[in-house]
PDB file of all heavy atoms in Angstrom:
ATOM      1  N   SER A   1      30.979  39.224  -1.179  1.00  0.00           N
ATOM      2  CA  SER A   1      31.125  37.927  -1.344  1.00  0.00           C
ATOM      3  C   SER A   1      30.222  37.044  -0.512  1.00  0.00           C
ATOM      4  O   SER A   1      29.766  37.339   0.608  1.00  0.00           O
ATOM      5  CB  SER A   1      32.673  37.589  -1.084  1.00  0.00           C
ATOM      6  OG  SER A   1      32.870  37.785   0.340  1.00  0.00           O
ATOM      7  N   ASN A   2      30.111  35.772  -0.995  1.00  0.00           N
ATOM      8  CA  ASN A   2      29.475  34.777  -0.224  1.00  0.00           C
ATOM      9  C   ASN A   2      30.500  34.049   0.446  1.00  0.00           C
ATOM     10  O   ASN A   2      31.200  33.202  -0.251  1.00  0.00           O
ATOM     11  CB  ASN A   2      28.587  33.948  -1.251  1.00  0.00           C
ATOM     12  CG  ASN A   2      27.621  32.948  -0.409  1.00  0.00           C
ATOM     13  OD1 ASN A   2      27.845  32.794   0.782  1.00  0.00           O
ATOM     14  ND2 ASN A   2      26.818  32.228  -1.160  1.00  0.00           N
ATOM     15  N   SER A   3      30.648  34.084   1.682  1.00  0.00           N
ATOM     16  CA  SER A   3      31.764  33.456   2.448  1.00  0.00           C
ATOM     17  C   SER A   3      31.259  32.581   3.586  1.00  0.00           C
ATOM     18  O   SER A   3      30.149  32.490   3.931  1.00  0.00           O
ATOM     19  CB  SER A   3      32.608  34.645   3.005  1.00  0.00           C
ATOM     20  OG  SER A   3      33.174  35.406   1.864  1.00  0.00           O
ATOM     21  N   ALA A   4      32.336  31.997   4.233  1.00  0.00           N
ATOM     22  CA  ALA A   4      32.162  31.319   5.561  1.00  0.00           C
ATOM     23  C   ALA A   4      33.279  31.727   6.454  1.00  0.00           C
ATOM     24  O   ALA A   4      34.435  32.002   5.997  1.00  0.00           O
ATOM     25  CB  ALA A   4      32.268  29.809   5.229  1.00  0.00           C
ATOM     26  N   VAL A   5      32.918  31.937   7.729  1.00  0.00           N
ATOM     27  CA  VAL A   5      33.846  32.422   8.609  1.00  0.00           C
ATOM     28  C   VAL A   5      33.988  31.419   9.834  1.00  0.00           C
ATOM     29  O   VAL A   5      33.017  30.720  10.094  1.00  0.00           O
ATOM     30  CB  VAL A   5      33.520  33.789   9.232  1.00  0.00           C
ATOM     31  CG1 VAL A   5      33.552  34.815   7.978  1.00  0.00           C
ATOM     32  CG2 VAL A   5      32.102  33.821   9.743  1.00  0.00           C
ATOM     33  N   TYR A   6      35.225  31.391  10.407  1.00  0.00           N
ATOM     34  CA  TYR A   6      35.387  30.441  11.477  1.00  0.00           C
ATOM     35  C   TYR A   6      35.965  31.205  12.621  1.00  0.00           C
ATOM     36  O   TYR A   6      36.848  32.034  12.675  1.00  0.00           O
ATOM     37  CB  TYR A   6      36.533  29.432  11.156  1.00  0.00           C
ATOM     38  CG  TYR A   6      36.929  28.539  12.151  1.00  0.00           C
ATOM     39  CD1 TYR A   6      36.010  27.787  12.983  1.00  0.00           C
ATOM     40  CD2 TYR A   6      38.319  28.368  12.594  1.00  0.00           C
ATOM     41  CE1 TYR A   6      36.392  26.992  13.979  1.00  0.00           C
ATOM     42  CE2 TYR A   6      38.691  27.604  13.584  1.00  0.00           C
ATOM     43  CZ  TYR A   6      37.762  26.907  14.300  1.00  0.00           C
ATOM     44  OH  TYR A   6      38.103  26.042  15.355  1.00  0.00           O
ATOM     45  N   PHE A   7      35.194  31.121  13.786  1.00  0.00           N
ATOM     46  CA  PHE A   7      35.537  31.792  15.071  1.00  0.00           C
ATOM     47  C   PHE A   7      36.068  30.707  16.025  1.00  0.00           C
ATOM     48  O   PHE A   7      35.470  29.773  16.273  1.00  0.00           O
ATOM     49  CB  PHE A   7      34.368  32.402  15.675  1.00  0.00           C
ATOM     50  CG  PHE A   7      33.613  33.281  14.856  1.00  0.00           C
ATOM     51  CD1 PHE A   7      32.613  33.038  13.964  1.00  0.00           C
ATOM     52  CD2 PHE A   7      33.888  34.762  14.905  1.00  0.00           C
ATOM     53  CE1 PHE A   7      31.801  33.907  13.196  1.00  0.00           C
ATOM     54  CE2 PHE A   7      33.296  35.571  14.095  1.00  0.00           C
ATOM     55  CZ  PHE A   7      32.231  35.193  13.309  1.00  0.00           C
ATOM     56  N   GLU A   8      37.236  31.044  16.582  1.00  0.00           N
ATOM     57  CA  GLU A   8      37.838  30.080  17.659  1.00  0.00           C
ATOM     58  C   GLU A   8      37.394  30.698  19.026  1.00  0.00           C
ATOM     59  O   GLU A   8      37.129  31.911  19.060  1.00  0.00           O
ATOM     60  CB  GLU A   8      39.335  30.094  17.632  1.00  0.00           C
ATOM     61  CG  GLU A   8      39.849  29.441  16.284  1.00  0.00           C
ATOM     62  CD  GLU A   8      41.388  29.390  16.274  1.00  0.00           C
ATOM     63  OE1 GLU A   8      41.923  30.312  16.858  1.00  0.00           O
ATOM     64  OE2 GLU A   8      41.988  28.553  15.725  1.00  0.00           O
ATOM     65  N   PRO A   9      37.316  29.820  20.054  1.00  0.00           N
ATOM     66  CA  PRO A   9      36.918  30.385  21.300  1.00  0.00           C
ATOM     67  C   PRO A   9      37.767  31.496  21.776  1.00  0.00           C
ATOM     68  O   PRO A   9      38.942  31.447  21.766  1.00  0.00           O
ATOM     69  CB  PRO A   9      37.032  29.120  22.170  1.00  0.00           C
ATOM     70  CG  PRO A   9      36.902  27.875  21.415  1.00  0.00           C
ATOM     71  CD  PRO A   9      37.442  28.374  20.015  1.00  0.00           C
ATOM     72  N   ASP A  10      37.188  32.676  22.168  1.00  0.00           N
ATOM     73  CA  ASP A  10      37.814  33.726  22.749  1.00  0.00           C
ATOM     74  C   ASP A  10      38.806  34.448  21.786  1.00  0.00           C
ATOM     75  O   ASP A  10      39.662  35.202  22.188  1.00  0.00           O
ATOM     76  CB  ASP A  10      38.539  33.420  24.004  1.00  0.00           C
ATOM     77  CG  ASP A  10      37.680  33.019  25.132  1.00  0.00           C
ATOM     78  OD1 ASP A  10      36.411  33.584  25.231  1.00  0.00           O
ATOM     79  OD2 ASP A  10      37.852  32.034  25.878  1.00  0.00           O
ATOM     80  N   ASN A  11      38.583  34.208  20.438  1.00  0.00           N
ATOM     81  CA  ASN A  11      39.458  34.809  19.476  1.00  0.00           C
ATOM     82  C   ASN A  11      38.626  35.424  18.315  1.00  0.00           C
ATOM     83  O   ASN A  11      37.665  34.837  18.024  1.00  0.00           O
ATOM     84  CB  ASN A  11      40.505  33.840  18.855  1.00  0.00           C
ATOM     85  CG  ASN A  11      41.688  33.613  19.801  1.00  0.00           C
ATOM     86  OD1 ASN A  11      42.497  34.520  19.989  1.00  0.00           O
ATOM     87  ND2 ASN A  11      41.765  32.383  20.246  1.00  0.00           N
ATOM     88  N   LEU A  12      39.030  36.533  17.802  1.00  0.00           N
ATOM     89  CA  LEU A  12      38.306  37.029  16.697  1.00  0.00           C
ATOM     90  C   LEU A  12      38.806  36.370  15.425  1.00  0.00           C
ATOM     91  O   LEU A  12      39.946  35.982  15.365  1.00  0.00           O
ATOM     92  CB  LEU A  12      38.559  38.592  16.591  1.00  0.00           C
ATOM     93  CG  LEU A  12      38.148  39.312  17.900  1.00  0.00           C
ATOM     94  CD1 LEU A  12      38.381  40.854  17.671  1.00  0.00           C
ATOM     95  CD2 LEU A  12      36.644  39.084  18.123  1.00  0.00           C
ATOM     96  N   THR A  13      38.056  36.411  14.395  1.00  0.00           N
ATOM     97  CA  THR A  13      38.387  35.795  13.075  1.00  0.00           C
ATOM     98  C   THR A  13      39.468  36.743  12.414  1.00  0.00           C
ATOM     99  O   THR A  13      39.573  37.852  12.795  1.00  0.00           O
ATOM    100  CB  THR A  13      37.138  35.611  12.251  1.00  0.00           C
ATOM    101  OG1 THR A  13      37.511  34.947  11.122  1.00  0.00           O
ATOM    102  CG2 THR A  13      36.596  37.068  11.689  1.00  0.00           C
ATOM    103  N   SER A  14      40.203  36.044  11.614  1.00  0.00           N
ATOM    104  CA  SER A  14      41.196  36.770  10.812  1.00  0.00           C
ATOM    105  C   SER A  14      41.132  36.304   9.387  1.00  0.00           C
ATOM    106  O   SER A  14      40.290  35.344   9.076  1.00  0.00           O
ATOM    107  CB  SER A  14      42.584  36.516  11.430  1.00  0.00           C
ATOM    108  OG  SER A  14      42.965  35.196  11.322  1.00  0.00           O
ATOM    109  N   GLU A  15      41.856  36.971   8.483  1.00  0.00           N
ATOM    110  CA  GLU A  15      41.713  36.780   7.102  1.00  0.00           C
ATOM    111  C   GLU A  15      41.864  35.317   6.716  1.00  0.00           C
ATOM    112  O   GLU A  15      41.104  34.692   5.819  1.00  0.00           O
ATOM    113  CB  GLU A  15      42.659  37.582   6.333  1.00  0.00           C
ATOM    114  CG  GLU A  15      42.035  38.214   5.042  1.00  0.00           C
ATOM    115  CD  GLU A  15      42.941  39.255   4.464  1.00  0.00           C
ATOM    116  OE1 GLU A  15      43.073  40.370   5.005  1.00  0.00           O
ATOM    117  OE2 GLU A  15      43.590  38.867   3.439  1.00  0.00           O
ATOM    118  N   ASN A  16      42.676  34.570   7.316  1.00  0.00           N
ATOM    119  CA  ASN A  16      42.983  33.193   6.949  1.00  0.00           C
ATOM    120  C   ASN A  16      41.849  32.237   7.460  1.00  0.00           C
ATOM    121  O   ASN A  16      41.957  31.052   7.219  1.00  0.00           O
ATOM    122  CB  ASN A  16      44.369  32.649   7.403  1.00  0.00           C
ATOM    123  CG  ASN A  16      44.383  32.603   8.933  1.00  0.00           C
ATOM    124  OD1 ASN A  16      43.730  33.270   9.548  1.00  0.00           O
ATOM    125  ND2 ASN A  16      45.506  31.856   9.384  1.00  0.00           N
ATOM    126  N   LYS A  17      40.977  32.798   8.246  1.00  0.00           N
ATOM    127  CA  LYS A  17      39.754  32.010   8.652  1.00  0.00           C
ATOM    128  C   LYS A  17      38.489  32.461   7.908  1.00  0.00           C
ATOM    129  O   LYS A  17      37.448  32.110   8.423  1.00  0.00           O
ATOM    130  CB  LYS A  17      39.534  32.205  10.194  1.00  0.00           C
ATOM    131  CG  LYS A  17      40.768  31.643  10.977  1.00  0.00           C
ATOM    132  CD  LYS A  17      40.719  32.004  12.452  1.00  0.00           C
ATOM    133  CE  LYS A  17      42.095  31.475  13.107  1.00  0.00           C
ATOM    134  NZ  LYS A  17      42.269  32.073  14.332  1.00  0.00           N
ATOM    135  N   ILE A  18      38.600  32.997   6.806  1.00  0.00           N
ATOM    136  CA  ILE A  18      37.492  33.359   5.988  1.00  0.00           C
ATOM    137  C   ILE A  18      37.700  32.521   4.673  1.00  0.00           C
ATOM    138  O   ILE A  18      38.637  32.760   3.884  1.00  0.00           O
ATOM    139  CB  ILE A  18      37.318  34.830   5.705  1.00  0.00           C
ATOM    140  CG1 ILE A  18      37.265  35.683   6.988  1.00  0.00           C
ATOM    141  CG2 ILE A  18      36.339  35.029   4.660  1.00  0.00           C
ATOM    142  CD1 ILE A  18      37.211  37.118   6.772  1.00  0.00           C
ATOM    143  N   TYR A  19      36.613  31.802   4.275  1.00  0.00           N
ATOM    144  CA  TYR A  19      36.561  31.168   3.006  1.00  0.00           C
ATOM    145  C   TYR A  19      35.501  31.929   2.196  1.00  0.00           C
ATOM    146  O   TYR A  19      34.440  32.223   2.475  1.00  0.00           O
ATOM    147  CB  TYR A  19      36.172  29.766   3.118  1.00  0.00           C
ATOM    148  CG  TYR A  19      35.839  29.027   1.785  1.00  0.00           C
ATOM    149  CD1 TYR A  19      36.841  28.728   1.005  1.00  0.00           C
ATOM    150  CD2 TYR A  19      34.418  28.816   1.555  1.00  0.00           C
ATOM    151  CE1 TYR A  19      36.488  28.147  -0.278  1.00  0.00           C
ATOM    152  CE2 TYR A  19      34.189  28.163   0.299  1.00  0.00           C
ATOM    153  CZ  TYR A  19      35.211  27.901  -0.626  1.00  0.00           C
ATOM    154  OH  TYR A  19      34.854  27.319  -1.808  1.00  0.00           O
ATOM    155  N   THR A  20      35.929  32.095   0.796  1.00  0.00           N
ATOM    156  CA  THR A  20      35.061  32.767  -0.059  1.00  0.00           C
ATOM    157  C   THR A  20      34.699  31.828  -1.180  1.00  0.00           C
ATOM    158  O   THR A  20      35.427  31.204  -1.778  1.00  0.00           O
ATOM    159  CB  THR A  20      35.694  34.092  -0.665  1.00  0.00           C
ATOM    160  OG1 THR A  20      36.026  34.935   0.276  1.00  0.00           O
ATOM    161  CG2 THR A  20      34.815  34.670  -1.700  1.00  0.00           C
ATOM    162  N   LYS A  21      33.427  31.767  -1.323  1.00  0.00           N
ATOM    163  CA  LYS A  21      32.820  30.804  -2.477  1.00  0.00           C
ATOM    164  C   LYS A  21      33.444  30.949  -3.675  1.00  0.00           C
ATOM    165  O   LYS A  21      33.555  32.118  -4.283  1.00  0.00           O
ATOM    166  CB  LYS A  21      31.301  30.941  -2.472  1.00  0.00           C
ATOM    167  CG  LYS A  21      30.568  30.002  -3.405  1.00  0.00           C
ATOM    168  CD  LYS A  21      29.118  30.282  -3.326  1.00  0.00           C
ATOM    169  CE  LYS A  21      28.357  29.150  -4.186  1.00  0.00           C
ATOM    170  NZ  LYS A  21      26.798  29.514  -4.218  1.00  0.00           N
ATOM    171  N   GLN A  22      33.933  29.791  -4.287  1.00  0.00           N
ATOM    172  CA  GLN A  22      34.620  29.897  -5.538  1.00  0.00           C
ATOM    173  C   GLN A  22      33.739  29.806  -6.760  1.00  0.00           C
ATOM    174  O   GLN A  22      33.960  30.501  -7.783  1.00  0.00           O
ATOM    175  CB  GLN A  22      35.675  28.719  -5.659  1.00  0.00           C
ATOM    176  CG  GLN A  22      36.675  28.713  -4.421  1.00  0.00           C
ATOM    177  CD  GLN A  22      37.374  27.450  -4.479  1.00  0.00           C
ATOM    178  OE1 GLN A  22      38.270  27.107  -5.339  1.00  0.00           O
ATOM    179  NE2 GLN A  22      37.132  26.531  -3.542  1.00  0.00           N
ATOM    180  N   LYS A  23      32.726  28.870  -6.603  1.00  0.00           N
ATOM    181  CA  LYS A  23      31.914  28.594  -7.863  1.00  0.00           C
ATOM    182  C   LYS A  23      30.601  29.174  -7.642  1.00  0.00           C
ATOM    183  O   LYS A  23      29.761  28.736  -6.921  1.00  0.00           O
ATOM    184  CB  LYS A  23      31.835  27.036  -8.019  1.00  0.00           C
ATOM    185  CG  LYS A  23      31.372  26.648  -9.357  1.00  0.00           C
ATOM    186  CD  LYS A  23      31.589  25.156  -9.656  1.00  0.00           C
ATOM    187  CE  LYS A  23      31.282  24.774 -11.114  1.00  0.00           C
ATOM    188  NZ  LYS A  23      32.364  25.339 -12.056  1.00  0.00           N
ATOM    189  N   LEU A  24      30.368  30.419  -8.242  1.00  0.00           N
ATOM    190  CA  LEU A  24      29.150  31.125  -8.075  1.00  0.00           C
ATOM    191  C   LEU A  24      28.039  30.744  -9.004  1.00  0.00           C
ATOM    192  O   LEU A  24      28.270  30.168 -10.055  1.00  0.00           O
ATOM    193  CB  LEU A  24      29.433  32.614  -8.406  1.00  0.00           C
ATOM    194  CG  LEU A  24      30.699  33.264  -7.427  1.00  0.00           C
ATOM    195  CD1 LEU A  24      30.749  34.710  -7.861  1.00  0.00           C
ATOM    196  CD2 LEU A  24      30.413  33.065  -6.036  1.00  0.00           C
ATOM    197  N   VAL A  25      26.812  30.826  -8.449  1.00  0.00           N
ATOM    198  CA  VAL A  25      25.652  30.405  -9.269  1.00  0.00           C
ATOM    199  C   VAL A  25      25.439  31.356 -10.437  1.00  0.00           C
ATOM    200  O   VAL A  25      25.296  32.568 -10.228  1.00  0.00           O
ATOM    201  CB  VAL A  25      24.407  30.369  -8.389  1.00  0.00           C
ATOM    202  CG1 VAL A  25      23.183  29.898  -9.171  1.00  0.00           C
ATOM    203  CG2 VAL A  25      24.664  29.375  -7.182  1.00  0.00           C
ATOM    204  N   PRO A  26      25.315  30.955 -11.622  1.00  0.00           N
ATOM    205  CA  PRO A  26      25.036  31.843 -12.829  1.00  0.00           C
ATOM    206  C   PRO A  26      23.811  32.625 -12.505  1.00  0.00           C
ATOM    207  O   PRO A  26      22.748  32.092 -12.058  1.00  0.00           O
ATOM    208  CB  PRO A  26      25.019  30.775 -13.961  1.00  0.00           C
ATOM    209  CG  PRO A  26      25.824  29.606 -13.555  1.00  0.00           C
ATOM    210  CD  PRO A  26      25.469  29.525 -12.083  1.00  0.00           C
ATOM    211  N   ILE A  27      23.779  33.765 -12.967  1.00  0.00           N
ATOM    212  CA  ILE A  27      22.626  34.785 -12.781  1.00  0.00           C
ATOM    213  C   ILE A  27      22.376  35.259 -11.469  1.00  0.00           C
ATOM    214  O   ILE A  27      22.434  36.396 -11.156  1.00  0.00           O
ATOM    215  CB  ILE A  27      21.324  34.157 -13.492  1.00  0.00           C
ATOM    216  CG1 ILE A  27      21.590  33.652 -14.799  1.00  0.00           C
ATOM    217  CG2 ILE A  27      20.282  35.197 -13.403  1.00  0.00           C
ATOM    218  CD1 ILE A  27      22.043  34.628 -15.836  1.00  0.00           C
ATOM    219  N   ALA A  28      22.189  34.212 -10.493  1.00  0.00           N
ATOM    220  CA  ALA A  28      21.862  34.662  -9.113  1.00  0.00           C
ATOM    221  C   ALA A  28      23.222  35.350  -8.433  1.00  0.00           C
ATOM    222  O   ALA A  28      22.994  36.216  -7.616  1.00  0.00           O
ATOM    223  CB  ALA A  28      21.470  33.481  -8.282  1.00  0.00           C
ATOM    224  N   GLU A  29      24.345  34.769  -8.768  1.00  0.00           N
ATOM    225  CA  GLU A  29      25.530  35.292  -8.090  1.00  0.00           C
ATOM    226  C   GLU A  29      26.534  35.925  -9.075  1.00  0.00           C
ATOM    227  O   GLU A  29      27.344  36.659  -8.646  1.00  0.00           O
ATOM    228  CB  GLU A  29      26.261  34.131  -7.319  1.00  0.00           C
ATOM    229  CG  GLU A  29      25.443  33.722  -6.047  1.00  0.00           C
ATOM    230  CD  GLU A  29      26.021  32.719  -5.267  1.00  0.00           C
ATOM    231  OE1 GLU A  29      26.779  31.783  -5.843  1.00  0.00           O
ATOM    232  OE2 GLU A  29      25.894  32.599  -4.094  1.00  0.00           O
TER     233      GLU A  29
END
């Protein structure tokens, strides 16, 4: 997936801090 992740200071990311692109580019994605 094409996503975005958010890291808080001194904390690891978790599932609710991952955004996955909803509108994919035709052909390329």
